[in-house]
């Protein structure tokens, strides 16, 4: 597989004054292989025939996406899928956004966040560029950010140091700056947005896949070496702001939450805000803790609350995903335990990104089980990630969801190989019975 890129400057359609450094790709180019009756030797190159360019959002066998306004008058959710070029490496990027107070913020993020991540070399390399960014927060926003500015070096050092320690990939991971690049890019994008729009906000969860190893001998005659293929090992980075969610389903079919909602009840958030901001915590009439009038303590936009401590600084998590046989050869036992989901050593089935319109109705395992049971019931031809994503949102609509609901389902190399176990089937059936319109009308 090769990636189609168009280089050069362009102007943002939504914000003409914003000049973008290049047009990132939203597509991949598949390279078909000419199959022969003979098996190629280790040194023989496969015969290639033409190229097929496919948009990521139109690749239902590898990426599922579906959104619904449910019973709201309009939909403030959004999402995007891109292929970035960072330090000459291809990085697959998927984002989900949950807007509030209007859809301006989530639309801006869908148009610009991935591009800003790719084009943030100056923020990564130049101390002055970083200093200028956080000075603008301290000077023009003030409050929380004046106190944050005094401790900025600790934040920068923590971001730079948050890299996985894997002996076999030490050089590759040392060169990888995604854990430092993403927080800086998020803050920069946030600042750019609220200079233009000050009425809306959005939460966000982003996933970045970068292949750090592939076995070229075993891959023959397959050309691709990206995260969804066998014989590859990839670095997965999750950047999280607010209460959208990332869920990684392991080879046993268990749903593993990779994010924790940034709500006032989150101990990490409580500690952060009480350290740098005044005490704005309060309890609403339903007994739920809130930060001023907000349910989320981290978000893009929401400029009226920025000085109190609402931030777009993401919480970043990194894991190794990929082929279990390759991982067992390249990682130590301790590294597998520490850096793969559940310590299981790879063969993950799929990654889910979704908004709280889904997770407020369904548990993480229910979401995973809907996808897996639909696949087992319909088969691999009909039950693509796209059909499975739609099935989840249909369930949310049927049982009475009351918020916009959006989901992305990213196929990983263990897709379809999970055990045939439905752990939440009885619970979901009870939900269906409880919300059965005929039953309720009787």
Protein backbone atom coordinates (compact mmCIF):
# COMPACT_ATOMS: atom_id res chain seq x y z
CA UNK A 1 0.00 0.00 0.00
CA UNK A 2 1.21 3.50 -0.76
CA UNK A 3 -0.38 6.73 0.39
CA UNK A 4 -1.63 9.45 -1.93
CA UNK A 5 -0.63 12.94 -0.79
CA UNK A 6 -1.13 16.34 -2.36
CA UNK A 7 1.54 18.78 -1.23
CA UNK A 8 1.36 22.55 -1.14
CA UNK A 9 -0.56 25.25 0.66
CA UNK A 10 -4.29 25.57 0.75
CA UNK A 11 -6.82 27.87 2.39
CA UNK A 12 -9.34 26.62 4.92
CA UNK A 13 -12.84 26.66 3.41
CA UNK A 14 -14.45 27.48 6.73
CA UNK A 15 -11.84 30.03 7.88
CA UNK A 16 -10.25 31.67 4.78
CA UNK A 17 -7.72 33.61 6.86
CA UNK A 18 -6.14 30.37 8.06
CA UNK A 19 -3.46 29.24 5.60
CA UNK A 20 -2.72 25.56 5.92
CA UNK A 21 0.72 24.15 5.17
CA UNK A 22 -0.51 21.23 3.09
CA UNK A 23 -3.52 19.12 2.22
CA UNK A 24 -3.38 15.99 4.34
CA UNK A 25 -4.61 12.75 2.82
CA UNK A 26 -8.01 11.24 3.52
CA UNK A 27 -7.29 8.19 1.33
CA UNK A 28 -5.15 5.12 0.95
CA UNK A 29 -3.99 3.56 -2.30
CA UNK A 30 -4.22 -0.22 -2.43
CA UNK A 31 -1.75 -1.99 -4.71
CA UNK A 32 -3.28 -5.17 -6.09
CA UNK A 33 -0.95 -8.17 -6.34
CA UNK A 34 -0.89 -10.47 -9.35
CA UNK A 35 -1.40 -13.95 -7.91
CA UNK A 36 0.32 -16.95 -9.46
CA UNK A 37 0.22 -20.66 -8.81
CA UNK A 38 3.75 -20.61 -7.47
CA UNK A 39 4.72 -19.27 -4.06
CA UNK A 40 7.29 -16.44 -4.40
CA UNK A 41 10.67 -16.97 -2.84
CA UNK A 42 11.95 -14.73 -0.06
CA UNK A 43 13.93 -12.66 -2.56
CA UNK A 44 11.32 -12.56 -5.32
CA UNK A 45 9.35 -9.34 -5.56
CA UNK A 46 5.58 -9.71 -6.00
CA UNK A 47 4.13 -8.59 -9.30
CA UNK A 48 2.03 -5.48 -8.90
CA UNK A 49 -0.82 -4.37 -11.11
CA UNK A 50 -2.22 -0.83 -10.97
CA UNK A 51 -3.40 1.14 -7.96
CA UNK A 52 -6.76 1.62 -6.29
CA UNK A 53 -7.32 4.85 -4.37
CA UNK A 54 -9.95 4.57 -1.63
CA UNK A 55 -11.10 7.14 0.91
CA UNK A 56 -10.81 5.96 4.50
CA UNK A 57 -14.43 6.89 5.18
CA UNK A 58 -15.45 4.80 2.19
CA UNK A 59 -13.58 1.66 3.26
CA UNK A 60 -16.38 -0.21 5.07
CA UNK A 61 -14.35 -3.41 5.43
CA UNK A 62 -11.75 -1.61 7.58
CA UNK A 63 -13.48 1.43 9.09
CA UNK A 64 -17.06 1.71 10.29
CA UNK A 65 -18.64 5.08 11.10
CA UNK A 66 -22.20 6.09 11.87
CA UNK A 67 -23.89 9.05 13.51
CA UNK A 68 -27.44 10.01 14.45
CA UNK A 69 -29.04 13.05 16.03
CA UNK A 70 -31.34 10.54 17.82
CA UNK A 71 -34.14 12.68 19.29
CA UNK A 72 -32.28 16.00 19.24
CA UNK A 73 -33.31 18.65 16.68
CA UNK A 74 -29.79 18.74 15.22
CA UNK A 75 -26.51 16.81 15.41
CA UNK A 76 -23.51 18.44 17.09
CA UNK A 77 -21.24 15.38 16.80
CA UNK A 78 -18.54 15.09 14.14
CA UNK A 79 -15.60 12.87 13.17
CA UNK A 80 -12.72 12.58 10.71
CA UNK A 81 -10.21 10.07 9.32
CA UNK A 82 -6.83 11.02 7.86
CA UNK A 83 -3.41 9.75 6.92
CA UNK A 84 -0.72 12.08 8.28
CA UNK A 85 2.92 12.38 7.31
CA UNK A 86 4.97 12.94 10.46
CA UNK A 87 8.77 12.85 10.21
CA UNK A 88 8.44 10.94 6.91
CA UNK A 89 6.28 8.26 8.56
CA UNK A 90 2.65 7.53 7.69
CA UNK A 91 0.32 7.81 10.67
CA UNK A 92 -3.34 6.81 10.46
CA UNK A 93 -5.46 9.22 12.48
CA UNK A 94 -9.11 8.89 13.58
CA UNK A 95 -10.99 11.53 15.59
CA UNK A 96 -14.40 11.81 17.18
CA UNK A 97 -15.89 15.08 18.46
CA UNK A 98 -18.91 15.86 20.63
CA UNK A 99 -19.90 19.50 20.29
CA UNK A 100 -21.96 21.55 22.72
CA UNK A 101 -23.41 25.04 22.52
CA UNK A 102 -23.47 24.71 18.73
CA UNK A 103 -21.51 22.76 16.13
CA UNK A 104 -18.92 25.42 15.24
CA UNK A 105 -16.19 23.94 17.42
CA UNK A 106 -16.53 20.32 16.36
CA UNK A 107 -16.66 21.35 12.68
CA UNK A 108 -13.52 23.42 13.12
CA UNK A 109 -11.75 20.48 14.75
CA UNK A 110 -12.82 18.08 12.00
CA UNK A 111 -11.38 20.49 9.43
CA UNK A 112 -8.19 21.54 11.21
CA UNK A 113 -7.04 19.41 14.15
CA UNK A 114 -5.32 16.64 12.17
CA UNK A 115 -3.64 19.17 9.91
CA UNK A 116 -2.31 21.10 12.90
CA UNK A 117 -0.90 17.91 14.41
CA UNK A 118 0.96 17.20 11.19
CA UNK A 119 2.19 20.78 10.75
CA UNK A 120 3.41 21.39 14.32
CA UNK A 121 7.13 20.86 13.72
CA UNK A 122 7.99 24.33 15.02
CA UNK A 123 6.17 23.73 18.30
CA UNK A 124 8.03 20.44 18.72
CA UNK A 125 11.50 21.66 17.74
CA UNK A 126 11.59 25.29 18.83
CA UNK A 127 11.37 26.28 22.48
CA UNK A 128 10.43 29.85 21.54
CA UNK A 129 7.36 28.65 19.61
CA UNK A 130 6.17 26.68 22.65
CA UNK A 131 6.86 29.60 24.96
CA UNK A 132 4.94 31.99 22.71
CA UNK A 133 1.92 29.68 22.69
CA UNK A 134 1.61 29.30 26.46
CA UNK A 135 2.41 32.99 27.00
CA UNK A 136 -0.65 33.83 24.92
CA UNK A 137 -2.76 31.65 27.20
CA UNK A 138 -1.28 33.27 30.31
CA UNK A 139 -1.62 36.83 28.99
CA UNK A 140 -4.92 36.70 27.11
CA UNK A 141 -6.82 34.07 29.10
CA UNK A 142 -5.24 34.48 32.53
CA UNK A 143 -6.49 32.89 35.75
CA UNK A 144 -5.64 29.18 35.71
CA UNK A 145 -3.22 29.69 32.83
CA UNK A 146 -1.06 32.21 34.69
CA UNK A 147 -0.43 29.57 37.34
CA UNK A 148 -0.02 26.83 34.70
CA UNK A 149 2.57 28.99 32.89
CA UNK A 150 4.82 29.00 35.93
CA UNK A 151 5.00 25.20 35.82
CA UNK A 152 5.12 24.85 32.02
CA UNK A 153 8.58 23.25 31.93
CA UNK A 154 7.36 20.36 34.08
CA UNK A 155 4.48 19.81 31.67
CA UNK A 156 6.78 19.91 28.65
CA UNK A 157 9.22 17.49 30.27
CA UNK A 158 6.42 15.09 31.21
CA UNK A 159 5.09 15.07 27.64
CA UNK A 160 8.55 14.49 26.18
CA UNK A 161 9.32 11.71 28.65
CA UNK A 162 6.08 9.77 28.14
CA UNK A 163 7.49 7.27 25.66
CA UNK A 164 7.35 3.50 25.83
CA UNK A 165 10.59 1.80 26.79
CA UNK A 166 10.95 -1.13 24.38
CA UNK A 167 14.43 -2.46 23.73
CA UNK A 168 13.82 -3.77 20.20
CA UNK A 169 12.35 -0.46 19.02
CA UNK A 170 14.38 1.95 21.13
CA UNK A 171 15.61 4.04 18.17
CA UNK A 172 12.22 4.18 16.48
CA UNK A 173 10.40 5.20 19.65
CA UNK A 174 13.06 7.74 20.62
CA UNK A 175 12.54 9.43 17.25
CA UNK A 176 8.76 9.32 17.65
CA UNK A 177 7.47 12.64 19.02
CA UNK A 178 3.70 12.01 18.85
CA UNK A 179 3.23 12.12 22.66
CA UNK A 180 4.84 15.59 22.71
CA UNK A 181 3.44 16.82 19.39
CA UNK A 182 -0.21 16.08 20.14
CA UNK A 183 -0.64 18.07 23.41
CA UNK A 184 1.06 21.11 21.87
CA UNK A 185 -1.08 20.82 18.73
CA UNK A 186 -4.27 20.46 20.75
CA UNK A 187 -3.54 23.60 22.76
CA UNK A 188 -2.58 25.51 19.62
CA UNK A 189 -5.75 24.42 17.80
CA UNK A 190 -7.85 25.39 20.80
CA UNK A 191 -6.31 28.86 20.94
CA UNK A 192 -6.79 29.36 17.18
CA UNK A 193 -10.44 28.37 17.47
CA UNK A 194 -11.50 30.62 20.31
CA UNK A 195 -9.86 33.59 18.62
CA UNK A 196 -12.52 33.14 15.92
CA UNK A 197 -15.53 31.60 17.70
CA UNK A 198 -16.39 31.99 21.37
CA UNK A 199 -19.81 30.44 21.78
CA UNK A 200 -19.30 26.69 21.47
CA UNK A 201 -17.08 23.86 22.66
CA UNK A 202 -16.29 20.23 21.95
CA UNK A 203 -14.81 17.16 23.55
CA UNK A 204 -12.51 14.91 21.53
CA UNK A 205 -10.86 11.51 21.43
CA UNK A 206 -8.18 10.86 18.81
CA UNK A 207 -6.36 7.67 17.81
CA UNK A 208 -3.01 7.53 15.99
CA UNK A 209 -1.64 4.30 14.50
CA UNK A 210 1.98 4.11 13.33
CA UNK A 211 3.52 0.85 12.15
CA UNK A 212 6.91 0.37 13.81
CA UNK A 213 7.63 -3.14 12.48
CA UNK A 214 6.54 -5.49 9.75
CA UNK A 215 7.92 -8.86 8.75
CA UNK A 216 8.51 -8.45 4.99
CA UNK A 217 9.24 -12.14 4.43
CA UNK A 218 6.01 -13.33 6.01
CA UNK A 219 4.09 -10.48 4.37
CA UNK A 220 4.82 -11.65 0.82
CA UNK A 221 3.00 -11.29 -1.47
CA UNK A 222 1.16 -8.63 0.57
CA UNK A 223 2.43 -5.11 -0.10
CA UNK A 224 0.72 -3.30 2.78
CA UNK A 225 2.43 -2.93 6.13
CA UNK A 226 -0.15 -0.93 8.09
CA UNK A 227 -1.79 -1.52 11.44
CA UNK A 228 -4.75 -3.58 10.22
CA UNK A 229 -2.60 -6.25 8.55
CA UNK A 230 -1.00 -9.39 9.92
CA UNK A 231 2.75 -9.54 10.57
CA UNK A 232 2.84 -5.92 11.74
CA UNK A 233 3.43 -4.20 15.07
CA UNK A 234 2.06 -0.70 15.60
CA UNK A 235 2.24 2.05 18.19
CA UNK A 236 -1.25 3.18 19.17
CA UNK A 237 -1.56 6.64 20.73
CA UNK A 238 -4.83 7.82 22.25
CA UNK A 239 -5.31 11.53 23.00
CA UNK A 240 -8.40 12.28 25.07
CA UNK A 241 -10.26 15.47 26.06
CA UNK A 242 -13.64 15.30 27.83
CA UNK A 243 -16.09 12.39 27.84
CA UNK A 244 -15.90 10.86 24.40
CA UNK A 245 -14.36 7.41 24.72
CA UNK A 246 -11.84 4.94 23.29
CA UNK A 247 -12.47 1.22 23.84
CA UNK A 248 -10.02 -1.47 22.70
CA UNK A 249 -11.48 -4.97 22.36
CA UNK A 250 -8.84 -7.64 23.01
CA UNK A 251 -8.50 -11.10 21.45
CA UNK A 252 -10.78 -12.57 24.14
CA UNK A 253 -13.60 -10.21 23.21
CA UNK A 254 -13.27 -8.12 26.37
CA UNK A 255 -13.81 -4.37 26.17
CA UNK A 256 -10.92 -2.36 27.65
CA UNK A 257 -11.54 1.34 28.28
CA UNK A 258 -8.51 3.40 27.24
CA UNK A 259 -9.96 6.69 28.48
CA UNK A 260 -11.49 8.05 31.68
CA UNK A 261 -14.10 10.80 31.45
CA UNK A 262 -12.83 14.23 32.42
CA UNK A 263 -15.61 14.96 34.88
CA UNK A 264 -15.34 16.80 38.22
CA UNK A 265 -15.64 13.42 40.00
CA UNK A 266 -12.42 12.21 38.32
CA UNK A 267 -9.71 12.33 41.06
CA UNK A 268 -7.06 13.36 38.52
CA UNK A 269 -9.15 16.31 37.40
CA UNK A 270 -10.06 17.29 40.92
CA UNK A 271 -6.37 17.36 41.87
CA UNK A 272 -5.40 19.32 38.74
CA UNK A 273 -8.06 21.99 39.17
CA UNK A 274 -7.62 22.43 42.91
CA UNK A 275 -3.89 22.86 42.34
CA UNK A 276 -4.07 25.54 39.67
CA UNK A 277 -7.55 27.05 40.03
CA UNK A 278 -9.93 28.28 42.67
CA UNK A 279 -12.58 25.93 44.02
CA UNK A 280 -15.38 26.06 41.45
CA UNK A 281 -16.78 22.61 42.28
CA UNK A 282 -20.47 22.37 43.10
CA UNK A 283 -23.30 19.83 43.20
CA UNK A 284 -26.38 20.14 40.99
CA UNK A 285 -29.98 19.37 41.97
CA UNK A 286 -29.51 15.72 40.92
CA UNK A 287 -26.57 15.28 43.29
CA UNK A 288 -23.99 15.20 40.47
CA UNK A 289 -20.73 17.08 40.94
CA UNK A 290 -20.08 19.82 38.39
CA UNK A 291 -17.31 22.29 37.66
CA UNK A 292 -19.15 25.61 37.60
CA UNK A 293 -22.01 24.70 35.20
CA UNK A 294 -20.01 22.16 33.19
CA UNK A 295 -20.06 18.37 33.23
CA UNK A 296 -16.63 18.26 31.53
CA UNK A 297 -13.43 19.75 32.92
CA UNK A 298 -11.53 19.45 29.62
CA UNK A 299 -12.80 20.66 26.26
CA UNK A 300 -11.90 22.67 23.20
CA UNK A 301 -13.56 26.07 23.06
CA UNK A 302 -15.74 27.06 26.03
CA UNK A 303 -13.73 30.27 26.21
CA UNK A 304 -15.82 31.67 29.07
CA UNK A 305 -14.49 28.88 31.30
CA UNK A 306 -10.87 28.80 30.13
CA UNK A 307 -9.57 31.04 32.90
CA UNK A 308 -11.19 28.73 35.49
CA UNK A 309 -9.21 25.73 34.22
CA UNK A 310 -11.13 24.14 31.35
CA UNK A 311 -8.34 22.94 29.06
CA UNK A 312 -7.83 21.18 25.74
CA UNK A 313 -4.65 19.55 27.05
CA UNK A 314 -5.19 15.86 26.23
CA UNK A 315 -4.55 12.88 28.42
CA UNK A 316 -2.24 10.70 26.30
CA UNK A 317 -2.04 6.89 26.44
CA UNK A 318 0.24 4.67 24.34
CA UNK A 319 0.07 0.92 23.69
CA UNK A 320 1.56 -1.65 21.36
CA UNK A 321 -0.93 -3.47 19.11
CA UNK A 322 -0.52 -5.98 16.32
CA UNK A 323 0.32 -9.56 15.41
CA UNK A 324 0.82 -11.67 18.55
CA UNK A 325 3.46 -13.88 16.92
CA UNK A 326 5.56 -10.91 15.89
CA UNK A 327 5.08 -9.20 19.27
CA UNK A 328 6.18 -12.35 21.12
CA UNK A 329 9.38 -12.33 19.07
CA UNK A 330 10.15 -8.62 19.38
CA UNK A 331 9.06 -7.75 22.94
CA UNK A 332 10.14 -9.19 26.29
CA UNK A 333 7.65 -10.80 28.64
CA UNK A 334 7.72 -7.73 30.88
CA UNK A 335 7.22 -5.39 27.91
CA UNK A 336 4.24 -7.41 26.71
CA UNK A 337 2.70 -7.31 30.16
CA UNK A 338 3.25 -3.57 30.49
CA UNK A 339 2.56 -2.25 27.00
CA UNK A 340 -0.14 -4.45 25.43
CA UNK A 341 -3.81 -4.34 26.40
CA UNK A 342 -4.47 -6.75 29.26
CA UNK A 343 -0.89 -8.00 28.89
CA UNK A 344 -2.21 -10.38 26.21
CA UNK A 345 0.42 -9.61 23.61
CA UNK A 346 -1.55 -8.49 20.59
CA UNK A 347 -4.18 -9.84 18.18
CA UNK A 348 -6.58 -7.08 19.25
CA UNK A 349 -9.93 -7.29 17.47
CA UNK A 350 -11.05 -3.69 17.01
CA UNK A 351 -10.90 -0.17 18.42
CA UNK A 352 -14.02 1.88 19.15
CA UNK A 353 -14.28 5.66 19.40
CA UNK A 354 -17.70 6.93 20.47
CA UNK A 355 -19.52 9.88 21.99
CA UNK A 356 -21.34 9.90 25.31
CA UNK A 357 -24.64 9.57 23.47
CA UNK A 358 -23.60 5.93 23.11
CA UNK A 359 -21.86 5.33 26.46
CA UNK A 360 -24.65 6.97 28.47
CA UNK A 361 -26.96 4.23 27.17
CA UNK A 362 -24.66 1.20 26.79
CA UNK A 363 -21.76 -0.19 28.79
CA UNK A 364 -18.42 -0.66 27.04
CA UNK A 365 -18.93 -4.45 26.91
CA UNK A 366 -22.44 -4.09 25.51
CA UNK A 367 -21.09 -1.97 22.65
CA UNK A 368 -18.42 -4.58 21.93
CA UNK A 369 -20.92 -7.46 22.16
CA UNK A 370 -23.35 -5.82 19.73
CA UNK A 371 -20.53 -5.63 17.18
CA UNK A 372 -19.28 -9.17 17.77
CA UNK A 373 -22.68 -10.86 17.82
CA UNK A 374 -23.77 -9.00 14.69
CA UNK A 375 -20.63 -10.25 12.95
CA UNK A 376 -21.22 -13.85 14.05
CA UNK A 377 -24.87 -13.65 13.00
CA UNK A 378 -24.35 -12.05 9.59
CA UNK A 379 -20.91 -13.34 8.61
CA UNK A 380 -17.77 -11.51 7.51
CA UNK A 381 -19.16 -10.44 4.12
CA UNK A 382 -22.27 -8.64 5.40
CA UNK A 383 -21.10 -7.66 8.89
CA UNK A 384 -18.34 -5.21 7.98
CA UNK A 385 -17.20 -2.64 10.56
CA UNK A 386 -19.55 -0.22 8.77
CA UNK A 387 -22.61 -2.43 9.28
CA UNK A 388 -21.56 -3.11 12.88
CA UNK A 389 -21.24 0.61 13.63
CA UNK A 390 -24.74 1.22 12.29
CA UNK A 391 -26.06 -1.67 14.41
CA UNK A 392 -24.78 -0.03 17.60
CA UNK A 393 -26.44 3.32 16.83
CA UNK A 394 -29.68 1.59 15.80
CA UNK A 395 -29.76 -0.09 19.22
CA UNK A 396 -29.20 3.26 20.98
CA UNK A 397 -32.06 4.80 19.00
CA UNK A 398 -34.39 1.90 19.73
CA UNK A 399 -33.91 1.86 23.50
CA UNK A 400 -34.54 5.57 23.88
CA UNK A 401 -31.21 7.38 23.70
CA UNK A 402 -31.62 11.11 24.30
CA UNK A 403 -28.37 12.55 22.89
CA UNK A 404 -26.54 12.63 19.56
CA UNK A 405 -24.83 9.27 19.12
CA UNK A 406 -21.71 8.65 17.01
CA UNK A 407 -19.31 5.72 16.71
CA UNK A 408 -16.18 4.74 14.78
CA UNK A 409 -15.16 1.07 14.57
CA UNK A 410 -11.58 0.41 13.43
CA UNK A 411 -10.77 -3.12 12.35
CA UNK A 412 -7.55 -4.55 13.80
CA UNK A 413 -5.76 -7.74 12.78
CA UNK A 414 -7.75 -9.93 15.18
CA UNK A 415 -11.06 -8.96 13.56
CA UNK A 416 -13.54 -11.84 13.56
CA UNK A 417 -11.37 -14.17 15.65
CA UNK A 418 -12.96 -13.49 19.05
CA UNK A 419 -14.66 -16.26 21.09
CA UNK A 420 -18.34 -16.84 20.36
CA UNK A 421 -19.47 -15.49 23.75
CA UNK A 422 -22.17 -12.88 24.29
CA UNK A 423 -21.47 -11.59 27.78
CA UNK A 424 -24.26 -8.99 27.86
CA UNK A 425 -26.97 -10.63 25.76
CA UNK A 426 -29.47 -10.96 28.62
CA UNK A 427 -28.93 -7.36 29.69
CA UNK A 428 -29.50 -6.06 26.16
CA UNK A 429 -32.61 -8.18 25.77
CA UNK A 430 -33.95 -6.70 28.98
CA UNK A 431 -33.31 -3.22 27.60
CA UNK A 432 -35.19 -4.11 24.42
CA UNK A 433 -38.11 -5.47 26.42
CA UNK A 434 -38.22 -2.40 28.66
CA UNK A 435 -38.36 -0.03 25.68
CA UNK A 436 -40.64 -2.11 23.46
CA UNK A 437 -43.17 0.46 22.14
CA UNK A 438 -45.97 -2.10 21.80
CA UNK A 439 -45.44 -3.39 25.29
CA UNK A 440 -45.36 0.11 26.78
CA UNK A 441 -48.46 1.20 24.90
CA UNK A 442 -50.43 -1.75 26.14
